[in-house]
């Protein structure tokens, strides 16, 4: 298939998938904020930390430690840090298993204890979220530069779609913006996979297909707790399955082309050998006929005829 016919076929396929695949998401700018961060339920604190916002995803990067990536659908609540927002419900079993950083004897850094007061400082943020294992987490981030507080608050609100001081529960439905964001990400990955398969780049397509499959499974798990999530899950699965099914069909077609080429070469080789055998047979018949004629001529010369 020529490059032009492949491109035309690709555009036709994208039109089948719908406008959402043709209009790929335009990702926003990247914003980073420097400060201190603490993961309170693990009693882990770091005085050098970066809060990175990219594509509406928050990544907390403590210096010298593993970075923590928090997707929008994982965020339960955001708030300014104070005694109430940093306190856990004592009725929860979780409360009994954690280090009480608010107690005077606890070995928490002074800046953590300072944030745990009745006074609200707008450059200190608390982020409640669930990790990939659906374990509750409570992160504290304290900006080094208080003048950037409003900017970070805006990014937290934009990425989580929650107001400062608000929360989302499992009984809430996913917002239209968050659903659209998930569709766009699925379409982006699916489109990339389709384009690789369109040009028979199957070795490169393999890792992309694995990544798309993993993203789909993880995303469905993450949103399954929300009310009415089945509609979003079905659409994400449809996007993924169409892309993978298309690649499977391309791989099958390539295998059929390769098989046809093998058969063609085998048939060409068979015809070549057959033609060679026919030539040898014809040559042998000509030799026998020549020898026979010579024998007849010798006989006749002796018989005087």
C-alpha atoms as a PDB file:
ATOM      1  CA  UNK A   1       0.000   0.000   0.000  1.00  0.00           C
ATOM      2  CA  UNK A   2       1.387   3.411  -0.955  1.00  0.00           C
ATOM      3  CA  UNK A   3       2.027   6.219   1.530  1.00  0.00           C
ATOM      4  CA  UNK A   4      -0.854   8.230   0.043  1.00  0.00           C
ATOM      5  CA  UNK A   5      -3.319   5.349   0.222  1.00  0.00           C
ATOM      6  CA  UNK A   6      -2.233   4.603   3.799  1.00  0.00           C
ATOM      7  CA  UNK A   7      -2.783   8.238   4.769  1.00  0.00           C
ATOM      8  CA  UNK A   8      -6.203   8.242   3.136  1.00  0.00           C
ATOM      9  CA  UNK A   9      -7.136   5.012   4.914  1.00  0.00           C
ATOM     10  CA  UNK A  10      -5.943   6.481   8.202  1.00  0.00           C
ATOM     11  CA  UNK A  11      -8.120   9.572   7.800  1.00  0.00           C
ATOM     12  CA  UNK A  12     -11.079   7.386   6.915  1.00  0.00           C
ATOM     13  CA  UNK A  13     -10.515   5.296  10.042  1.00  0.00           C
ATOM     14  CA  UNK A  14     -10.295   8.376  12.239  1.00  0.00           C
ATOM     15  CA  UNK A  15     -13.590   9.596  10.836  1.00  0.00           C
ATOM     16  CA  UNK A  16     -15.161   6.292  11.856  1.00  0.00           C
ATOM     17  CA  UNK A  17     -13.974   6.800  15.403  1.00  0.00           C
ATOM     18  CA  UNK A  18     -15.661  10.168  15.501  1.00  0.00           C
ATOM     19  CA  UNK A  19     -14.705  13.758  16.077  1.00  0.00           C
ATOM     20  CA  UNK A  20     -13.164  13.039  19.466  1.00  0.00           C
ATOM     21  CA  UNK A  21     -10.328  11.110  17.839  1.00  0.00           C
ATOM     22  CA  UNK A  22      -9.705  13.699  15.155  1.00  0.00           C
ATOM     23  CA  UNK A  23      -9.657  16.560  17.639  1.00  0.00           C
ATOM     24  CA  UNK A  24      -6.840  15.500  19.913  1.00  0.00           C
ATOM     25  CA  UNK A  25      -6.604  17.204  23.317  1.00  0.00           C
ATOM     26  CA  UNK A  26      -4.574  20.351  23.623  1.00  0.00           C
ATOM     27  CA  UNK A  27      -2.647  20.064  26.844  1.00  0.00           C
ATOM     28  CA  UNK A  28      -2.002  23.135  28.909  1.00  0.00           C
ATOM     29  CA  UNK A  29       1.167  24.622  30.277  1.00  0.00           C
ATOM     30  CA  UNK A  30       3.248  23.177  33.097  1.00  0.00           C
ATOM     31  CA  UNK A  31       3.365  24.958  36.453  1.00  0.00           C
ATOM     32  CA  UNK A  32       5.688  24.157  39.343  1.00  0.00           C
ATOM     33  CA  UNK A  33       5.831  25.415  42.914  1.00  0.00           C
ATOM     34  CA  UNK A  34       8.631  25.009  45.423  1.00  0.00           C
ATOM     35  CA  UNK A  35       8.055  24.302  49.087  1.00  0.00           C
ATOM     36  CA  UNK A  36       7.889  21.658  51.783  1.00  0.00           C
ATOM     37  CA  UNK A  37       5.656  18.590  51.721  1.00  0.00           C
ATOM     38  CA  UNK A  38       4.584  15.948  54.179  1.00  0.00           C
ATOM     39  CA  UNK A  39       2.601  12.744  53.799  1.00  0.00           C
ATOM     40  CA  UNK A  40       0.973  12.798  57.168  1.00  0.00           C
ATOM     41  CA  UNK A  41      -0.439   9.287  57.371  1.00  0.00           C
ATOM     42  CA  UNK A  42       3.056   7.870  56.798  1.00  0.00           C
ATOM     43  CA  UNK A  43       4.742  10.473  59.038  1.00  0.00           C
ATOM     44  CA  UNK A  44       7.065  11.378  56.163  1.00  0.00           C
ATOM     45  CA  UNK A  45       8.175  14.984  55.625  1.00  0.00           C
ATOM     46  CA  UNK A  46      10.597  16.657  53.245  1.00  0.00           C
ATOM     47  CA  UNK A  47      11.752  20.266  53.382  1.00  0.00           C
ATOM     48  CA  UNK A  48      12.612  20.351  49.668  1.00  0.00           C
ATOM     49  CA  UNK A  49       9.617  19.518  47.548  1.00  0.00           C
ATOM     50  CA  UNK A  50       8.107  20.474  44.188  1.00  0.00           C
ATOM     51  CA  UNK A  51       4.418  20.529  43.329  1.00  0.00           C
ATOM     52  CA  UNK A  52       4.172  20.046  39.573  1.00  0.00           C
ATOM     53  CA  UNK A  53       0.939  20.604  37.619  1.00  0.00           C
ATOM     54  CA  UNK A  54       0.966  19.204  34.085  1.00  0.00           C
ATOM     55  CA  UNK A  55      -2.058  18.208  31.995  1.00  0.00           C
ATOM     56  CA  UNK A  56      -4.227  18.746  35.097  1.00  0.00           C
ATOM     57  CA  UNK A  57      -2.221  16.116  36.991  1.00  0.00           C
ATOM     58  CA  UNK A  58      -0.550  16.956  40.299  1.00  0.00           C
ATOM     59  CA  UNK A  59       2.841  15.391  41.006  1.00  0.00           C
ATOM     60  CA  UNK A  60       4.514  15.906  44.371  1.00  0.00           C
ATOM     61  CA  UNK A  61       8.274  15.485  44.058  1.00  0.00           C
ATOM     62  CA  UNK A  62      10.133  15.327  47.394  1.00  0.00           C
ATOM     63  CA  UNK A  63      13.882  15.736  46.964  1.00  0.00           C
ATOM     64  CA  UNK A  64      15.627  12.385  47.157  1.00  0.00           C
ATOM     65  CA  UNK A  65      12.359  10.446  47.477  1.00  0.00           C
ATOM     66  CA  UNK A  66       9.830   8.766  45.254  1.00  0.00           C
ATOM     67  CA  UNK A  67       7.516  11.172  43.464  1.00  0.00           C
ATOM     68  CA  UNK A  68       3.776  10.888  44.031  1.00  0.00           C
ATOM     69  CA  UNK A  69       1.425  11.340  41.068  1.00  0.00           C
ATOM     70  CA  UNK A  70      -2.162  12.298  41.926  1.00  0.00           C
ATOM     71  CA  UNK A  71      -4.758  12.145  39.161  1.00  0.00           C
ATOM     72  CA  UNK A  72      -7.824  14.446  39.281  1.00  0.00           C
ATOM     73  CA  UNK A  73     -10.200  11.568  39.965  1.00  0.00           C
ATOM     74  CA  UNK A  74      -8.127  10.516  42.985  1.00  0.00           C
ATOM     75  CA  UNK A  75      -8.521  13.826  44.835  1.00  0.00           C
ATOM     76  CA  UNK A  76     -11.193  13.766  47.541  1.00  0.00           C
ATOM     77  CA  UNK A  77     -10.738  17.257  48.995  1.00  0.00           C
ATOM     78  CA  UNK A  78      -8.464  20.293  48.997  1.00  0.00           C
ATOM     79  CA  UNK A  79      -8.239  22.917  51.697  1.00  0.00           C
ATOM     80  CA  UNK A  80      -5.996  25.400  53.443  1.00  0.00           C
ATOM     81  CA  UNK A  81      -4.116  23.782  56.304  1.00  0.00           C
ATOM     82  CA  UNK A  82      -5.377  24.280  59.808  1.00  0.00           C
ATOM     83  CA  UNK A  83      -6.251  22.222  62.846  1.00  0.00           C
ATOM     84  CA  UNK A  84      -9.556  20.999  61.400  1.00  0.00           C
ATOM     85  CA  UNK A  85      -8.426  20.180  57.855  1.00  0.00           C
ATOM     86  CA  UNK A  86      -5.371  18.268  59.083  1.00  0.00           C
ATOM     87  CA  UNK A  87      -7.240  16.267  61.711  1.00  0.00           C
ATOM     88  CA  UNK A  88      -8.590  12.804  60.917  1.00  0.00           C
ATOM     89  CA  UNK A  89     -11.886  11.409  62.127  1.00  0.00           C
ATOM     90  CA  UNK A  90     -11.104   9.618  65.398  1.00  0.00           C
ATOM     91  CA  UNK A  91     -13.934   7.172  64.725  1.00  0.00           C
ATOM     92  CA  UNK A  92     -12.090   5.772  61.727  1.00  0.00           C
ATOM     93  CA  UNK A  93      -9.994   2.658  62.177  1.00  0.00           C
ATOM     94  CA  UNK A  94      -7.319   4.465  60.198  1.00  0.00           C
ATOM     95  CA  UNK A  95      -6.895   6.902  63.091  1.00  0.00           C
ATOM     96  CA  UNK A  96      -5.573   4.142  65.354  1.00  0.00           C
ATOM     97  CA  UNK A  97      -2.836   3.143  62.907  1.00  0.00           C
ATOM     98  CA  UNK A  98      -1.212   6.488  62.235  1.00  0.00           C
ATOM     99  CA  UNK A  99       1.278   8.701  64.014  1.00  0.00           C
ATOM    100  CA  UNK A 100      -0.533  11.638  65.685  1.00  0.00           C
ATOM    101  CA  UNK A 101       1.593  14.465  64.288  1.00  0.00           C
ATOM    102  CA  UNK A 102      -0.466  17.020  66.204  1.00  0.00           C
ATOM    103  CA  UNK A 103       0.632  15.733  69.610  1.00  0.00           C
ATOM    104  CA  UNK A 104       3.427  17.697  71.377  1.00  0.00           C
ATOM    105  CA  UNK A 105       5.567  14.586  71.776  1.00  0.00           C
ATOM    106  CA  UNK A 106       5.367  13.580  68.116  1.00  0.00           C
ATOM    107  CA  UNK A 107       8.593  13.961  66.113  1.00  0.00           C
ATOM    108  CA  UNK A 108       6.990  16.024  63.378  1.00  0.00           C
ATOM    109  CA  UNK A 109       8.864  19.016  61.914  1.00  0.00           C
ATOM    110  CA  UNK A 110       8.018  22.421  63.352  1.00  0.00           C
ATOM    111  CA  UNK A 111       6.487  23.594  60.066  1.00  0.00           C
ATOM    112  CA  UNK A 112       4.071  20.645  60.146  1.00  0.00           C
ATOM    113  CA  UNK A 113       3.046  21.452  63.709  1.00  0.00           C
ATOM    114  CA  UNK A 114       2.786  25.139  62.806  1.00  0.00           C
ATOM    115  CA  UNK A 115       0.334  24.317  60.000  1.00  0.00           C
ATOM    116  CA  UNK A 116      -1.754  22.336  62.490  1.00  0.00           C
ATOM    117  CA  UNK A 117      -3.184  25.394  64.269  1.00  0.00           C
ATOM    118  CA  UNK A 118      -6.466  27.276  64.206  1.00  0.00           C
ATOM    119  CA  UNK A 119      -4.882  30.066  62.184  1.00  0.00           C
ATOM    120  CA  UNK A 120      -5.293  29.619  58.445  1.00  0.00           C
ATOM    121  CA  UNK A 121      -2.285  30.421  56.276  1.00  0.00           C
ATOM    122  CA  UNK A 122      -3.189  30.607  52.585  1.00  0.00           C
ATOM    123  CA  UNK A 123       0.175  29.291  51.434  1.00  0.00           C
ATOM    124  CA  UNK A 124      -0.323  26.003  53.307  1.00  0.00           C
ATOM    125  CA  UNK A 125      -2.465  23.389  51.551  1.00  0.00           C
ATOM    126  CA  UNK A 126      -3.921  20.052  52.526  1.00  0.00           C
ATOM    127  CA  UNK A 127      -4.762  17.520  49.819  1.00  0.00           C
ATOM    128  CA  UNK A 128      -6.817  14.477  50.655  1.00  0.00           C
ATOM    129  CA  UNK A 129      -6.680  11.730  48.034  1.00  0.00           C
ATOM    130  CA  UNK A 130      -6.749   7.983  47.516  1.00  0.00           C
ATOM    131  CA  UNK A 131      -3.777   6.228  45.969  1.00  0.00           C
ATOM    132  CA  UNK A 132      -3.843   3.541  43.276  1.00  0.00           C
ATOM    133  CA  UNK A 133      -4.608   0.937  45.960  1.00  0.00           C
ATOM    134  CA  UNK A 134      -7.546   3.045  47.200  1.00  0.00           C
ATOM    135  CA  UNK A 135      -5.712   3.731  50.446  1.00  0.00           C
ATOM    136  CA  UNK A 136      -6.488   7.153  51.972  1.00  0.00           C
ATOM    137  CA  UNK A 137      -3.685   9.693  51.910  1.00  0.00           C
ATOM    138  CA  UNK A 138      -3.256  13.145  53.432  1.00  0.00           C
ATOM    139  CA  UNK A 139      -0.611  15.469  51.984  1.00  0.00           C
ATOM    140  CA  UNK A 140       0.514  18.834  53.317  1.00  0.00           C
ATOM    141  CA  UNK A 141       2.278  21.311  51.021  1.00  0.00           C
ATOM    142  CA  UNK A 142       3.756  24.569  52.345  1.00  0.00           C
ATOM    143  CA  UNK A 143       4.931  27.099  49.767  1.00  0.00           C
ATOM    144  CA  UNK A 144       8.333  28.681  50.181  1.00  0.00           C
ATOM    145  CA  UNK A 145       6.993  31.859  48.567  1.00  0.00           C
ATOM    146  CA  UNK A 146       3.623  32.882  50.097  1.00  0.00           C
ATOM    147  CA  UNK A 147       3.053  35.334  47.232  1.00  0.00           C
ATOM    148  CA  UNK A 148       2.397  32.349  44.938  1.00  0.00           C
ATOM    149  CA  UNK A 149      -0.422  31.043  47.116  1.00  0.00           C
ATOM    150  CA  UNK A 150      -3.246  32.243  44.874  1.00  0.00           C
ATOM    151  CA  UNK A 151      -1.569  30.728  41.797  1.00  0.00           C
ATOM    152  CA  UNK A 152      -1.206  27.328  43.445  1.00  0.00           C
ATOM    153  CA  UNK A 153      -4.762  27.502  44.764  1.00  0.00           C
ATOM    154  CA  UNK A 154      -5.972  28.145  41.204  1.00  0.00           C
ATOM    155  CA  UNK A 155      -4.048  25.144  39.890  1.00  0.00           C
ATOM    156  CA  UNK A 156      -5.420  22.892  42.630  1.00  0.00           C
ATOM    157  CA  UNK A 157      -8.960  24.016  41.861  1.00  0.00           C
ATOM    158  CA  UNK A 158      -8.484  23.626  38.101  1.00  0.00           C
ATOM    159  CA  UNK A 159      -6.918  20.163  38.317  1.00  0.00           C
ATOM    160  CA  UNK A 160      -9.297  18.712  40.904  1.00  0.00           C
ATOM    161  CA  UNK A 161     -12.446  20.627  39.891  1.00  0.00           C
ATOM    162  CA  UNK A 162     -13.021  21.213  43.588  1.00  0.00           C
ATOM    163  CA  UNK A 163     -13.232  24.501  45.391  1.00  0.00           C
ATOM    164  CA  UNK A 164     -10.938  25.221  48.306  1.00  0.00           C
ATOM    165  CA  UNK A 165     -12.618  23.703  51.334  1.00  0.00           C
ATOM    166  CA  UNK A 166     -14.905  21.412  49.306  1.00  0.00           C
ATOM    167  CA  UNK A 167     -14.831  17.672  48.743  1.00  0.00           C
ATOM    168  CA  UNK A 168     -16.333  14.997  46.508  1.00  0.00           C
ATOM    169  CA  UNK A 169     -17.952  11.792  47.675  1.00  0.00           C
ATOM    170  CA  UNK A 170     -18.472   8.468  45.962  1.00  0.00           C
ATOM    171  CA  UNK A 171     -22.150   9.358  45.514  1.00  0.00           C
ATOM    172  CA  UNK A 172     -21.165  12.245  43.229  1.00  0.00           C
ATOM    173  CA  UNK A 173     -21.138  11.694  39.489  1.00  0.00           C
ATOM    174  CA  UNK A 174     -18.014  12.465  37.505  1.00  0.00           C
ATOM    175  CA  UNK A 175     -18.113  15.984  36.121  1.00  0.00           C
ATOM    176  CA  UNK A 176     -18.467  16.552  32.385  1.00  0.00           C
ATOM    177  CA  UNK A 177     -15.007  18.163  32.287  1.00  0.00           C
ATOM    178  CA  UNK A 178     -13.337  15.255  34.045  1.00  0.00           C
ATOM    179  CA  UNK A 179     -15.138  12.739  31.815  1.00  0.00           C
ATOM    180  CA  UNK A 180     -14.102  14.705  28.736  1.00  0.00           C
ATOM    181  CA  UNK A 181     -10.520  14.779  29.998  1.00  0.00           C
ATOM    182  CA  UNK A 182     -10.517  10.987  30.306  1.00  0.00           C
ATOM    183  CA  UNK A 183     -11.982  10.569  26.818  1.00  0.00           C
ATOM    184  CA  UNK A 184      -9.335  12.894  25.404  1.00  0.00           C
ATOM    185  CA  UNK A 185      -6.512  10.969  27.050  1.00  0.00           C
ATOM    186  CA  UNK A 186      -7.929   7.663  25.824  1.00  0.00           C
ATOM    187  CA  UNK A 187      -8.336   9.071  22.316  1.00  0.00           C
ATOM    188  CA  UNK A 188      -4.786  10.442  22.359  1.00  0.00           C
ATOM    189  CA  UNK A 189      -3.288   7.076  23.198  1.00  0.00           C
ATOM    190  CA  UNK A 190      -5.633   5.201  20.850  1.00  0.00           C
ATOM    191  CA  UNK A 191      -4.850   7.552  17.965  1.00  0.00           C
ATOM    192  CA  UNK A 192      -1.123   7.051  18.440  1.00  0.00           C
ATOM    193  CA  UNK A 193      -1.603   3.281  18.418  1.00  0.00           C
ATOM    194  CA  UNK A 194      -3.741   3.441  15.274  1.00  0.00           C
ATOM    195  CA  UNK A 195      -1.186   5.505  13.401  1.00  0.00           C
ATOM    196  CA  UNK A 196       1.615   3.058  14.213  1.00  0.00           C
ATOM    197  CA  UNK A 197      -0.472   0.098  13.086  1.00  0.00           C
ATOM    198  CA  UNK A 198      -1.598   1.998   9.987  1.00  0.00           C
ATOM    199  CA  UNK A 199       2.028   2.073   8.819  1.00  0.00           C
ATOM    200  CA  UNK A 200       2.730  -1.523   9.919  1.00  0.00           C
ATOM    201  CA  UNK A 201       5.035  -0.410  12.765  1.00  0.00           C
ATOM    202  CA  UNK A 202       3.925  -3.316  14.927  1.00  0.00           C
ATOM    203  CA  UNK A 203       7.112  -3.584  17.014  1.00  0.00           C
ATOM    204  CA  UNK A 204       6.656   0.047  18.102  1.00  0.00           C
ATOM    205  CA  UNK A 205       2.902  -0.438  18.546  1.00  0.00           C
ATOM    206  CA  UNK A 206       3.278  -3.270  21.073  1.00  0.00           C
ATOM    207  CA  UNK A 207       4.404  -1.148  24.075  1.00  0.00           C
ATOM    208  CA  UNK A 208       1.830   1.540  23.178  1.00  0.00           C
ATOM    209  CA  UNK A 209      -0.951  -1.059  23.158  1.00  0.00           C
ATOM    210  CA  UNK A 210       0.219  -2.377  26.548  1.00  0.00           C
ATOM    211  CA  UNK A 211       0.271   1.173  27.959  1.00  0.00           C
ATOM    212  CA  UNK A 212      -3.226   1.889  26.620  1.00  0.00           C
ATOM    213  CA  UNK A 213      -4.546  -1.345  28.096  1.00  0.00           C
ATOM    214  CA  UNK A 214      -2.966  -0.589  31.497  1.00  0.00           C
ATOM    215  CA  UNK A 215      -4.273   3.007  31.462  1.00  0.00           C
ATOM    216  CA  UNK A 216      -7.775   1.745  30.664  1.00  0.00           C
ATOM    217  CA  UNK A 217      -7.784  -0.797  33.490  1.00  0.00           C
ATOM    218  CA  UNK A 218      -6.373   1.676  36.026  1.00  0.00           C
ATOM    219  CA  UNK A 219      -8.759   4.451  35.028  1.00  0.00           C
ATOM    220  CA  UNK A 220     -11.810   2.212  35.227  1.00  0.00           C
ATOM    221  CA  UNK A 221     -10.734   1.077  38.694  1.00  0.00           C
ATOM    222  CA  UNK A 222     -10.205   4.676  39.809  1.00  0.00           C
ATOM    223  CA  UNK A 223     -13.613   5.958  38.658  1.00  0.00           C
ATOM    224  CA  UNK A 224     -15.650   2.857  39.485  1.00  0.00           C
ATOM    225  CA  UNK A 225     -16.563   4.227  42.926  1.00  0.00           C
ATOM    226  CA  UNK A 226     -18.407   7.235  41.464  1.00  0.00           C
ATOM    227  CA  UNK A 227     -22.115   7.302  40.759  1.00  0.00           C
ATOM    228  CA  UNK A 228     -22.993   6.565  37.130  1.00  0.00           C
ATOM    229  CA  UNK A 229     -19.408   5.784  36.164  1.00  0.00           C
ATOM    230  CA  UNK A 230     -20.462   2.832  33.991  1.00  0.00           C
ATOM    231  CA  UNK A 231     -21.312   5.162  31.094  1.00  0.00           C
ATOM    232  CA  UNK A 232     -17.798   6.634  31.146  1.00  0.00           C
ATOM    233  CA  UNK A 233     -16.240   3.199  31.606  1.00  0.00           C
ATOM    234  CA  UNK A 234     -18.107   1.810  28.584  1.00  0.00           C
ATOM    235  CA  UNK A 235     -16.989   4.679  26.370  1.00  0.00           C
ATOM    236  CA  UNK A 236     -13.360   4.347  27.475  1.00  0.00           C
ATOM    237  CA  UNK A 237     -13.501   0.605  26.764  1.00  0.00           C
ATOM    238  CA  UNK A 238     -15.006   1.272  23.340  1.00  0.00           C
ATOM    239  CA  UNK A 239     -12.181   3.690  22.479  1.00  0.00           C
ATOM    240  CA  UNK A 240      -9.556   1.184  23.602  1.00  0.00           C
ATOM    241  CA  UNK A 241     -11.149  -1.875  22.004  1.00  0.00           C
ATOM    242  CA  UNK A 242     -11.583  -0.180  18.635  1.00  0.00           C
ATOM    243  CA  UNK A 243      -7.920   0.785  18.508  1.00  0.00           C
ATOM    244  CA  UNK A 244      -6.696  -2.655  19.586  1.00  0.00           C
ATOM    245  CA  UNK A 245      -9.147  -4.433  17.259  1.00  0.00           C
ATOM    246  CA  UNK A 246      -7.915  -2.287  14.381  1.00  0.00           C
ATOM    247  CA  UNK A 247      -4.302  -3.195  15.129  1.00  0.00           C
ATOM    248  CA  UNK A 248      -5.244  -6.874  15.375  1.00  0.00           C
ATOM    249  CA  UNK A 249      -6.877  -6.655  11.948  1.00  0.00           C
ATOM    250  CA  UNK A 250      -3.783  -4.945  10.534  1.00  0.00           C
ATOM    251  CA  UNK A 251      -1.523  -7.612  12.011  1.00  0.00           C
ATOM    252  CA  UNK A 252      -3.763 -10.340  10.553  1.00  0.00           C
ATOM    253  CA  UNK A 253      -3.738  -8.603   7.167  1.00  0.00           C
ATOM    254  CA  UNK A 254       0.052  -8.338   7.317  1.00  0.00           C
ATOM    255  CA  UNK A 255       0.298 -12.015   8.205  1.00  0.00           C
ATOM    256  CA  UNK A 256      -1.970 -12.871   5.274  1.00  0.00           C
ATOM    257  CA  UNK A 257       0.175 -10.729   2.960  1.00  0.00           C
ATOM    258  CA  UNK A 258       3.312 -12.440   4.214  1.00  0.00           C
ATOM    259  CA  UNK A 259       1.666 -15.855   3.801  1.00  0.00           C
ATOM    260  CA  UNK A 260       0.554 -14.933   0.288  1.00  0.00           C
ATOM    261  CA  UNK A 261       4.103 -13.808  -0.515  1.00  0.00           C
ATOM    262  CA  UNK A 262       5.503 -17.084   0.813  1.00  0.00           C
ATOM    263  CA  UNK A 263       2.987 -19.004  -1.308  1.00  0.00           C
ATOM    264  CA  UNK A 264       3.833 -16.876  -4.350  1.00  0.00           C
ATOM    265  CA  UNK A 265       7.538 -17.545  -3.927  1.00  0.00           C
ATOM    266  CA  UNK A 266       6.913 -21.246  -3.419  1.00  0.00           C
ATOM    267  CA  UNK A 267       4.762 -21.383  -6.535  1.00  0.00           C
ATOM    268  CA  UNK A 268       7.372 -19.423  -8.513  1.00  0.00           C
ATOM    269  CA  UNK A 269      10.050 -21.851  -7.330  1.00  0.00           C
ATOM    270  CA  UNK A 270       7.849 -24.820  -8.240  1.00  0.00           C
ATOM    271  CA  UNK A 271       7.228 -23.391 -11.718  1.00  0.00           C
ATOM    272  CA  UNK A 272      10.962 -22.721 -12.155  1.00  0.00           C
ATOM    273  CA  UNK A 273      11.831 -26.281 -11.203  1.00  0.00           C
ATOM    274  CA  UNK A 274       9.059 -27.643 -13.408  1.00  0.00           C
ATOM    275  CA  UNK A 275      10.255 -25.562 -16.370  1.00  0.00           C
ATOM    276  CA  UNK A 276      13.814 -26.756 -15.758  1.00  0.00           C
ATOM    277  CA  UNK A 277      12.620 -30.354 -15.614  1.00  0.00           C
ATOM    278  CA  UNK A 278      10.688 -29.900 -18.833  1.00  0.00           C
ATOM    279  CA  UNK A 279      13.746 -28.413 -20.517  1.00  0.00           C
ATOM    280  CA  UNK A 280      15.864 -31.338 -19.305  1.00  0.00           C
ATOM    281  CA  UNK A 281      13.257 -33.810 -20.510  1.00  0.00           C
ATOM    282  CA  UNK A 282      13.040 -32.142 -23.905  1.00  0.00           C
ATOM    283  CA  UNK A 283      16.823 -32.147 -24.167  1.00  0.00           C
ATOM    284  CA  UNK A 284      16.937 -35.832 -23.225  1.00  0.00           C
ATOM    285  CA  UNK A 285      14.257 -36.661 -25.790  1.00  0.00           C
ATOM    286  CA  UNK A 286      16.179 -34.737 -28.453  1.00  0.00           C
ATOM    287  CA  UNK A 287      19.355 -36.627 -27.518  1.00  0.00           C
ATOM    288  CA  UNK A 288      17.575 -39.987 -27.700  1.00  0.00           C
ATOM    289  CA  UNK A 289      15.991 -39.063 -31.032  1.00  0.00           C
ATOM    290  CA  UNK A 290      19.368 -37.970 -32.420  1.00  0.00           C
ATOM    291  CA  UNK A 291      21.023 -41.186 -31.259  1.00  0.00           C
ATOM    292  CA  UNK A 292      18.160 -43.245 -32.745  1.00  0.00           C
ATOM    293  CA  UNK A 293      18.483 -41.460 -36.070  1.00  0.00           C
ATOM    294  CA  UNK A 294      22.220 -42.080 -36.098  1.00  0.00           C
ATOM    295  CA  UNK A 295      21.626 -45.787 -35.439  1.00  0.00           C
ATOM    296  CA  UNK A 296      19.067 -45.969 -38.246  1.00  0.00           C
ATOM    297  CA  UNK A 297      21.404 -44.201 -40.655  1.00  0.00           C
ATOM    298  CA  UNK A 298      24.263 -46.611 -39.750  1.00  0.00           C
ATOM    299  CA  UNK A 299      21.992 -49.633 -40.200  1.00  0.00           C
ATOM    300  CA  UNK A 300      20.762 -48.488 -43.564  1.00  0.00           C
ATOM    301  CA  UNK A 301      24.327 -47.841 -44.773  1.00  0.00           C
ATOM    302  CA  UNK A 302      25.300 -51.387 -43.937  1.00  0.00           C
ATOM    303  CA  UNK A 303      22.135 -52.858 -45.471  1.00  0.00           C
ATOM    304  CA  UNK A 304      22.832 -51.038 -48.719  1.00  0.00           C
ATOM    305  CA  UNK A 305      19.454 -49.370 -48.744  1.00  0.00           C
END
